[in-house]
């Protein structure tokens, strides 16, 4: 019988406790595999391996990972692992407050500061230090330690002005958005998974993809619409605001200029500017579908078009300064641009062919 099976498993907490360490010591003495010990304690094998490597009294690292009963020849083992000394070491490491690693080591601190000045990211610094000092763990530091030394009060081992060397340049750390603070869902959304197959294969005209391209500080925007079959582009002029009402009005105006054959569906992301999607559908006759969160590839044609538009509207530009007639000019430029996916026809030519010969639509690729 396994020595671990004689004692009921201890109450499991976030960290290993003394009783669990005693079970680990018994398992190591019996030369059980790490995975076997982990199953007995309902812990991950990596937790047990890390514990033994950190707290063995002396000797080579424990390498017993294979199943019990396997050939153990050529394997190294820990000379001794004692629960009491392992517990003492763990308690010593857990004491707070601790001196920050970068504050205690001026050589390491200088290395990190020099690399920050060279615009290296904390993650790049952490990985390069490991690569350049493979046998000196005292020269290793995690990227999170670097961030904390820059941003956390009381751990400021690094000069605060070095935050300007980070890509974001933020003087304060931006917290992650909590799950309960996510953008609320738009009521009545019909998801892209319910979109008919004829839209996906571009076999029928009149199906559009749309989005906003945003200007400096997200304070201004231009609406973009592209027809999936012909890649024909329409731009929505949003000179003052780009909320739900403004997008609704601009969409209704743009779509009213098109024949019914070109007004079948619209696929958009879950931006709040589409909160009035029911009214848009009533005004335009479009069936509106919403992409999954963080899935821009589901509007691949529109994403490609938005990339082309950045030649005319660079990122960081105030988009409210562009008048409606300039947007019309840019749309004409794109619609007269030869496209490989249209066999080098232009979107305007493809659309004209479609409208003049509806029974013989232009051949298009299935991507792009």
Protein backbone atom coordinates (compact mmCIF):
# COMPACT_ATOMS: atom_id res chain seq x y z
CA UNK A 1 0.00 0.00 0.00
CA UNK A 2 1.24 3.48 -0.85
CA UNK A 3 2.42 5.48 2.20
CA UNK A 4 0.29 8.35 0.94
CA UNK A 5 -2.89 6.29 1.14
CA UNK A 6 -2.55 5.75 4.90
CA UNK A 7 -3.36 9.37 5.76
CA UNK A 8 -6.50 11.20 4.60
CA UNK A 9 -5.68 14.13 2.33
CA UNK A 10 -5.33 17.43 4.25
CA UNK A 11 -7.57 20.42 3.73
CA UNK A 12 -6.45 22.05 0.49
CA UNK A 13 -5.62 25.75 0.51
CA UNK A 14 -4.11 28.17 -1.92
CA UNK A 15 -0.59 27.27 -0.77
CA UNK A 16 0.90 23.98 0.31
CA UNK A 17 0.71 23.44 4.08
CA UNK A 18 2.86 21.41 6.46
CA UNK A 19 0.65 18.31 6.25
CA UNK A 20 0.89 18.30 2.47
CA UNK A 21 4.64 18.72 2.65
CA UNK A 22 4.84 15.70 4.94
CA UNK A 23 2.96 13.69 2.33
CA UNK A 24 5.37 14.93 -0.35
CA UNK A 25 8.34 13.91 1.83
CA UNK A 26 6.86 10.43 2.21
CA UNK A 27 6.33 10.17 -1.54
CA UNK A 28 9.87 11.32 -2.31
CA UNK A 29 11.29 8.82 0.19
CA UNK A 30 9.29 6.06 -1.51
CA UNK A 31 10.53 7.30 -4.92
CA UNK A 32 7.00 7.75 -6.21
CA UNK A 33 6.55 9.78 -9.36
CA UNK A 34 5.66 13.43 -9.13
CA UNK A 35 2.40 12.83 -10.97
CA UNK A 36 1.48 10.10 -8.49
CA UNK A 37 2.13 12.41 -5.54
CA UNK A 38 0.16 15.17 -7.22
CA UNK A 39 -2.87 12.91 -7.75
CA UNK A 40 -2.83 11.86 -4.10
CA UNK A 41 -2.85 15.50 -2.97
CA UNK A 42 -5.17 16.77 -5.72
CA UNK A 43 -2.51 19.22 -6.83
CA UNK A 44 -0.96 19.83 -10.23
CA UNK A 45 2.27 18.00 -11.00
CA UNK A 46 3.98 21.33 -11.69
CA UNK A 47 3.13 22.50 -8.15
CA UNK A 48 4.75 19.42 -6.63
CA UNK A 49 7.80 19.63 -8.92
CA UNK A 50 8.32 23.30 -8.11
CA UNK A 51 7.98 22.64 -4.37
CA UNK A 52 10.59 19.89 -4.40
CA UNK A 53 13.02 21.84 -6.57
CA UNK A 54 12.75 24.90 -4.31
CA UNK A 55 12.91 23.19 -0.94
CA UNK A 56 15.06 20.07 -1.26
CA UNK A 57 17.82 20.09 1.37
CA UNK A 58 20.53 19.24 -1.14
CA UNK A 59 21.25 17.04 -4.16
CA UNK A 60 20.07 17.02 -7.75
CA UNK A 61 16.57 18.04 -8.74
CA UNK A 62 13.86 15.42 -8.45
CA UNK A 63 13.14 13.93 -11.90
CA UNK A 64 10.58 11.22 -11.10
CA UNK A 65 7.81 12.15 -13.56
CA UNK A 66 7.04 8.77 -15.10
CA UNK A 67 4.35 6.38 -13.92
CA UNK A 68 4.99 4.23 -10.81
CA UNK A 69 6.78 1.01 -11.62
CA UNK A 70 8.55 2.34 -14.72
CA UNK A 71 12.27 1.77 -15.24
CA UNK A 72 14.10 4.22 -12.97
CA UNK A 73 17.61 3.63 -14.25
CA UNK A 74 19.54 6.73 -15.18
CA UNK A 75 17.19 8.99 -13.19
CA UNK A 76 18.44 11.48 -10.64
CA UNK A 77 16.73 11.83 -7.28
CA UNK A 78 16.64 14.32 -4.46
CA UNK A 79 19.07 13.37 -1.74
CA UNK A 80 16.66 14.57 0.96
CA UNK A 81 13.40 16.47 1.20
CA UNK A 82 12.20 17.25 4.72
CA UNK A 83 8.77 18.71 5.38
CA UNK A 84 9.84 20.83 8.35
CA UNK A 85 12.72 22.57 6.57
CA UNK A 86 10.62 22.99 3.42
CA UNK A 87 7.87 24.65 5.48
CA UNK A 88 10.41 26.94 7.13
CA UNK A 89 11.81 28.01 3.76
CA UNK A 90 8.34 28.69 2.39
CA UNK A 91 7.38 30.79 5.41
CA UNK A 92 10.61 32.76 5.11
CA UNK A 93 9.93 33.57 1.45
CA UNK A 94 6.35 34.56 2.24
CA UNK A 95 7.28 37.20 4.83
CA UNK A 96 6.25 40.75 3.97
CA UNK A 97 7.28 43.41 3.32
CA UNK A 98 10.08 42.12 1.10
CA UNK A 99 12.82 44.20 -0.42
CA UNK A 100 12.13 44.51 -4.13
CA UNK A 101 14.62 42.53 -6.20
CA UNK A 102 15.56 45.53 -8.33
CA UNK A 103 16.02 47.70 -5.25
CA UNK A 104 18.40 45.19 -3.68
CA UNK A 105 20.56 44.57 -6.75
CA UNK A 106 22.13 47.68 -8.34
CA UNK A 107 23.74 45.67 -11.18
CA UNK A 108 20.44 44.14 -12.23
CA UNK A 109 18.69 47.48 -11.79
CA UNK A 110 21.19 49.20 -14.10
CA UNK A 111 20.71 46.49 -16.73
CA UNK A 112 16.94 46.96 -16.66
CA UNK A 113 17.12 50.77 -16.74
CA UNK A 114 19.56 50.76 -19.68
CA UNK A 115 17.29 48.48 -21.69
CA UNK A 116 14.21 50.53 -20.85
CA UNK A 117 16.04 53.59 -22.16
CA UNK A 118 16.64 51.61 -25.36
CA UNK A 119 12.83 51.23 -25.63
CA UNK A 120 12.83 47.50 -24.86
CA UNK A 121 9.59 46.25 -23.32
CA UNK A 122 9.63 44.64 -19.84
CA UNK A 123 8.88 41.24 -21.40
CA UNK A 124 11.73 41.62 -23.90
CA UNK A 125 14.07 42.62 -21.07
CA UNK A 126 13.08 39.63 -18.93
CA UNK A 127 13.60 37.17 -21.77
CA UNK A 128 16.90 38.68 -22.92
CA UNK A 129 18.34 38.62 -19.40
CA UNK A 130 17.62 34.91 -19.16
CA UNK A 131 19.22 34.33 -22.56
CA UNK A 132 22.32 36.43 -21.81
CA UNK A 133 22.85 35.17 -18.23
CA UNK A 134 21.70 31.53 -18.42
CA UNK A 135 23.77 30.42 -15.40
CA UNK A 136 23.09 33.45 -13.20
CA UNK A 137 19.51 33.36 -11.90
CA UNK A 138 20.25 36.42 -9.77
CA UNK A 139 20.24 38.36 -13.07
CA UNK A 140 16.75 37.15 -13.97
CA UNK A 141 13.66 39.23 -13.31
CA UNK A 142 10.07 38.83 -14.43
CA UNK A 143 8.36 41.43 -16.57
CA UNK A 144 5.74 41.87 -13.84
CA UNK A 145 8.48 42.81 -11.35
CA UNK A 146 9.68 45.48 -13.76
CA UNK A 147 6.17 46.87 -14.17
CA UNK A 148 5.65 46.93 -10.39
CA UNK A 149 8.97 48.70 -9.86
CA UNK A 150 7.82 51.39 -12.29
CA UNK A 151 4.23 51.80 -11.17
CA UNK A 152 3.62 50.51 -7.63
CA UNK A 153 4.18 52.98 -4.81
CA UNK A 154 6.70 51.63 -2.33
CA UNK A 155 8.33 49.36 -4.91
CA UNK A 156 9.78 52.12 -7.04
CA UNK A 157 13.26 50.71 -7.51
CA UNK A 158 13.25 52.13 -11.04
CA UNK A 159 13.07 55.81 -11.89
CA UNK A 160 9.44 56.77 -12.46
CA UNK A 161 10.25 58.80 -15.56
CA UNK A 162 11.26 55.55 -17.30
CA UNK A 163 7.54 54.90 -17.84
CA UNK A 164 7.91 57.29 -20.81
CA UNK A 165 10.12 54.64 -22.44
CA UNK A 166 7.28 52.11 -22.51
CA UNK A 167 5.26 51.79 -25.68
CA UNK A 168 2.16 53.18 -23.96
CA UNK A 169 4.07 56.01 -22.31
CA UNK A 170 1.56 55.95 -19.44
CA UNK A 171 2.55 57.47 -16.10
CA UNK A 172 -0.11 55.33 -14.40
CA UNK A 173 -0.84 51.70 -15.04
CA UNK A 174 -4.14 51.03 -16.76
CA UNK A 175 -6.07 48.28 -14.94
CA UNK A 176 -7.55 45.39 -16.85
CA UNK A 177 -11.25 45.71 -17.48
CA UNK A 178 -13.20 43.55 -15.06
CA UNK A 179 -15.58 40.94 -16.44
CA UNK A 180 -18.54 42.74 -14.88
CA UNK A 181 -17.48 46.02 -16.54
CA UNK A 182 -17.71 44.71 -20.08
CA UNK A 183 -19.67 46.61 -22.67
CA UNK A 184 -23.35 45.68 -22.37
CA UNK A 185 -24.84 43.64 -25.15
CA UNK A 186 -27.07 45.35 -27.69
CA UNK A 187 -30.66 44.22 -27.35
CA UNK A 188 -32.13 42.07 -30.08
CA UNK A 189 -28.87 41.20 -31.82
CA UNK A 190 -28.93 38.49 -34.50
CA UNK A 191 -25.50 36.86 -34.51
CA UNK A 192 -23.39 36.05 -37.54
CA UNK A 193 -23.82 32.33 -36.87
CA UNK A 194 -27.45 32.74 -38.03
CA UNK A 195 -26.47 34.47 -41.28
CA UNK A 196 -27.55 32.50 -44.40
CA UNK A 197 -24.88 30.60 -46.33
CA UNK A 198 -25.52 32.62 -49.50
CA UNK A 199 -23.98 35.64 -47.76
CA UNK A 200 -20.81 33.81 -46.78
CA UNK A 201 -20.07 32.49 -50.28
CA UNK A 202 -20.65 35.85 -52.01
CA UNK A 203 -22.99 34.24 -54.53
CA UNK A 204 -25.66 36.95 -54.23
CA UNK A 205 -25.13 40.74 -54.34
CA UNK A 206 -26.50 43.21 -51.81
CA UNK A 207 -24.77 41.98 -48.68
CA UNK A 208 -22.62 44.58 -46.89
CA UNK A 209 -20.06 44.76 -44.11
CA UNK A 210 -19.65 47.90 -42.02
CA UNK A 211 -17.64 49.53 -39.29
CA UNK A 212 -16.31 52.88 -38.06
CA UNK A 213 -12.76 54.09 -38.53
CA UNK A 214 -11.87 56.32 -35.60
CA UNK A 215 -9.83 59.49 -35.43
CA UNK A 216 -7.59 60.98 -32.75
CA UNK A 217 -8.62 59.96 -29.22
CA UNK A 218 -11.70 58.22 -30.69
CA UNK A 219 -13.34 61.66 -30.82
CA UNK A 220 -14.27 61.52 -34.50
CA UNK A 221 -15.24 58.81 -36.96
CA UNK A 222 -16.18 57.91 -40.51
CA UNK A 223 -18.60 55.08 -41.26
CA UNK A 224 -17.48 52.54 -43.85
CA UNK A 225 -19.67 50.17 -45.87
CA UNK A 226 -18.42 47.68 -48.44
CA UNK A 227 -20.48 45.33 -50.62
CA UNK A 228 -19.13 41.79 -50.27
CA UNK A 229 -19.53 40.67 -53.89
CA UNK A 230 -18.24 43.72 -55.78
CA UNK A 231 -16.17 45.42 -52.99
CA UNK A 232 -18.05 48.65 -53.75
CA UNK A 233 -17.50 51.22 -50.97
CA UNK A 234 -19.77 53.82 -49.36
CA UNK A 235 -18.57 56.26 -46.69
CA UNK A 236 -20.80 57.73 -44.00
CA UNK A 237 -20.19 61.37 -43.09
CA UNK A 238 -20.33 61.79 -39.30
CA UNK A 239 -19.01 65.33 -38.76
CA UNK A 240 -20.05 65.95 -35.15
CA UNK A 241 -20.79 62.73 -33.27
CA UNK A 242 -20.76 59.03 -34.11
CA UNK A 243 -23.39 57.75 -31.72
CA UNK A 244 -26.33 55.48 -32.49
CA UNK A 245 -28.61 58.26 -33.76
CA UNK A 246 -26.00 59.76 -36.11
CA UNK A 247 -25.08 56.36 -37.55
CA UNK A 248 -28.76 55.49 -38.01
CA UNK A 249 -29.44 58.70 -39.96
CA UNK A 250 -26.30 58.45 -42.10
CA UNK A 251 -26.98 54.79 -42.89
CA UNK A 252 -30.58 55.48 -43.95
CA UNK A 253 -29.43 58.32 -46.23
CA UNK A 254 -26.67 56.25 -47.88
CA UNK A 255 -28.78 53.16 -48.42
CA UNK A 256 -31.73 55.12 -49.83
CA UNK A 257 -29.62 55.84 -52.93
CA UNK A 258 -29.27 52.14 -53.78
CA UNK A 259 -31.71 49.88 -55.64
CA UNK A 260 -33.46 47.19 -53.62
CA UNK A 261 -31.31 44.46 -55.19
CA UNK A 262 -28.33 45.94 -53.33
CA UNK A 263 -30.04 46.18 -49.95
CA UNK A 264 -30.18 42.72 -48.44
CA UNK A 265 -28.01 42.47 -45.33
CA UNK A 266 -25.39 44.22 -43.22
CA UNK A 267 -22.79 42.65 -40.92
CA UNK A 268 -21.31 44.87 -38.18
CA UNK A 269 -19.42 44.44 -34.94
CA UNK A 270 -21.00 44.93 -31.52
CA UNK A 271 -20.21 48.63 -31.20
CA UNK A 272 -22.71 50.81 -29.35
CA UNK A 273 -23.15 52.90 -32.50
CA UNK A 274 -25.45 50.11 -33.73
CA UNK A 275 -27.82 50.32 -30.77
CA UNK A 276 -30.55 51.52 -33.17
CA UNK A 277 -30.13 48.54 -35.49
CA UNK A 278 -33.87 47.77 -35.45
CA UNK A 279 -34.67 51.26 -36.77
CA UNK A 280 -31.90 50.98 -39.36
CA UNK A 281 -33.34 47.69 -40.57
CA UNK A 282 -36.82 49.23 -40.85
CA UNK A 283 -35.53 52.27 -42.75
CA UNK A 284 -33.25 50.41 -45.18
CA UNK A 285 -34.72 46.93 -45.57
CA UNK A 286 -31.42 45.36 -44.45
CA UNK A 287 -31.17 42.23 -42.34
CA UNK A 288 -28.51 43.11 -39.74
CA UNK A 289 -26.11 40.57 -38.27
CA UNK A 290 -23.52 41.07 -35.53
CA UNK A 291 -20.03 39.60 -35.35
CA UNK A 292 -18.71 37.77 -32.32
CA UNK A 293 -16.65 39.90 -29.91
CA UNK A 294 -13.01 40.45 -30.90
CA UNK A 295 -13.49 38.72 -34.28
CA UNK A 296 -12.57 41.26 -36.99
CA UNK A 297 -11.92 38.45 -39.50
CA UNK A 298 -15.68 37.92 -39.63
CA UNK A 299 -15.77 41.25 -41.51
CA UNK A 300 -12.64 40.57 -43.53
CA UNK A 301 -13.69 42.56 -46.60
CA UNK A 302 -14.46 45.59 -44.47
CA UNK A 303 -11.22 45.28 -42.51
CA UNK A 304 -9.27 45.20 -45.77
CA UNK A 305 -11.14 48.27 -47.01
CA UNK A 306 -10.47 50.15 -43.78
CA UNK A 307 -6.78 49.46 -44.27
CA UNK A 308 -6.94 51.04 -47.73
CA UNK A 309 -8.79 54.03 -46.30
CA UNK A 310 -5.93 54.76 -43.89
CA UNK A 311 -3.95 56.01 -46.90
CA UNK A 312 -6.41 58.91 -46.99
CA UNK A 313 -7.28 59.12 -43.27
CA UNK A 314 -4.12 58.32 -41.23
CA UNK A 315 -4.48 57.14 -37.66
CA UNK A 316 -4.42 59.97 -35.15
CA UNK A 317 -6.14 62.39 -37.56
CA UNK A 318 -9.16 64.49 -36.60
CA UNK A 319 -11.68 62.96 -39.02
CA UNK A 320 -14.31 65.65 -38.38
CA UNK A 321 -12.36 68.11 -40.58
CA UNK A 322 -13.12 66.17 -43.78
CA UNK A 323 -16.25 67.42 -45.60
CA UNK A 324 -18.79 65.13 -47.20
CA UNK A 325 -17.57 65.84 -50.73
CA UNK A 326 -14.06 64.70 -49.81
CA UNK A 327 -15.49 61.43 -48.49
CA UNK A 328 -17.29 61.02 -51.83
CA UNK A 329 -13.97 61.65 -53.62
CA UNK A 330 -12.19 58.98 -51.54
CA UNK A 331 -15.01 56.48 -52.17
CA UNK A 332 -14.70 57.13 -55.93
CA UNK A 333 -10.94 56.58 -55.68
CA UNK A 334 -11.42 53.18 -54.04
CA UNK A 335 -14.25 52.18 -56.35
CA UNK A 336 -12.04 52.87 -59.37
CA UNK A 337 -9.07 50.98 -57.98
CA UNK A 338 -8.41 47.66 -59.83
CA UNK A 339 -8.78 44.67 -57.53
CA UNK A 340 -7.04 41.33 -57.94
CA UNK A 341 -9.98 39.55 -56.32
CA UNK A 342 -12.21 40.95 -59.13
CA UNK A 343 -9.84 39.72 -61.87
CA UNK A 344 -8.44 43.28 -62.03
CA UNK A 345 -11.82 44.91 -62.60
CA UNK A 346 -12.67 47.88 -60.42
CA UNK A 347 -15.54 47.72 -57.90
CA UNK A 348 -17.37 50.33 -59.98
CA UNK A 349 -17.06 48.16 -63.09
CA UNK A 350 -18.17 45.07 -61.20
CA UNK A 351 -21.21 46.91 -59.83
CA UNK A 352 -22.14 48.33 -63.24
CA UNK A 353 -21.88 44.86 -64.79
CA UNK A 354 -24.03 43.46 -62.02
CA UNK A 355 -26.76 46.09 -62.47
CA UNK A 356 -26.73 45.91 -66.28
CA UNK A 357 -26.57 42.10 -66.48
CA UNK A 358 -28.09 40.77 -63.25
CA UNK A 359 -28.28 37.25 -64.63
CA UNK A 360 -24.52 37.20 -65.30
CA UNK A 361 -22.80 38.61 -62.18
CA UNK A 362 -19.06 39.30 -62.28
CA UNK A 363 -16.84 36.44 -61.18
CA UNK A 364 -15.23 37.09 -57.83
CA UNK A 365 -12.96 35.18 -55.52
CA UNK A 366 -14.26 33.79 -52.26
CA UNK A 367 -11.85 35.79 -50.12
CA UNK A 368 -10.54 39.32 -49.68
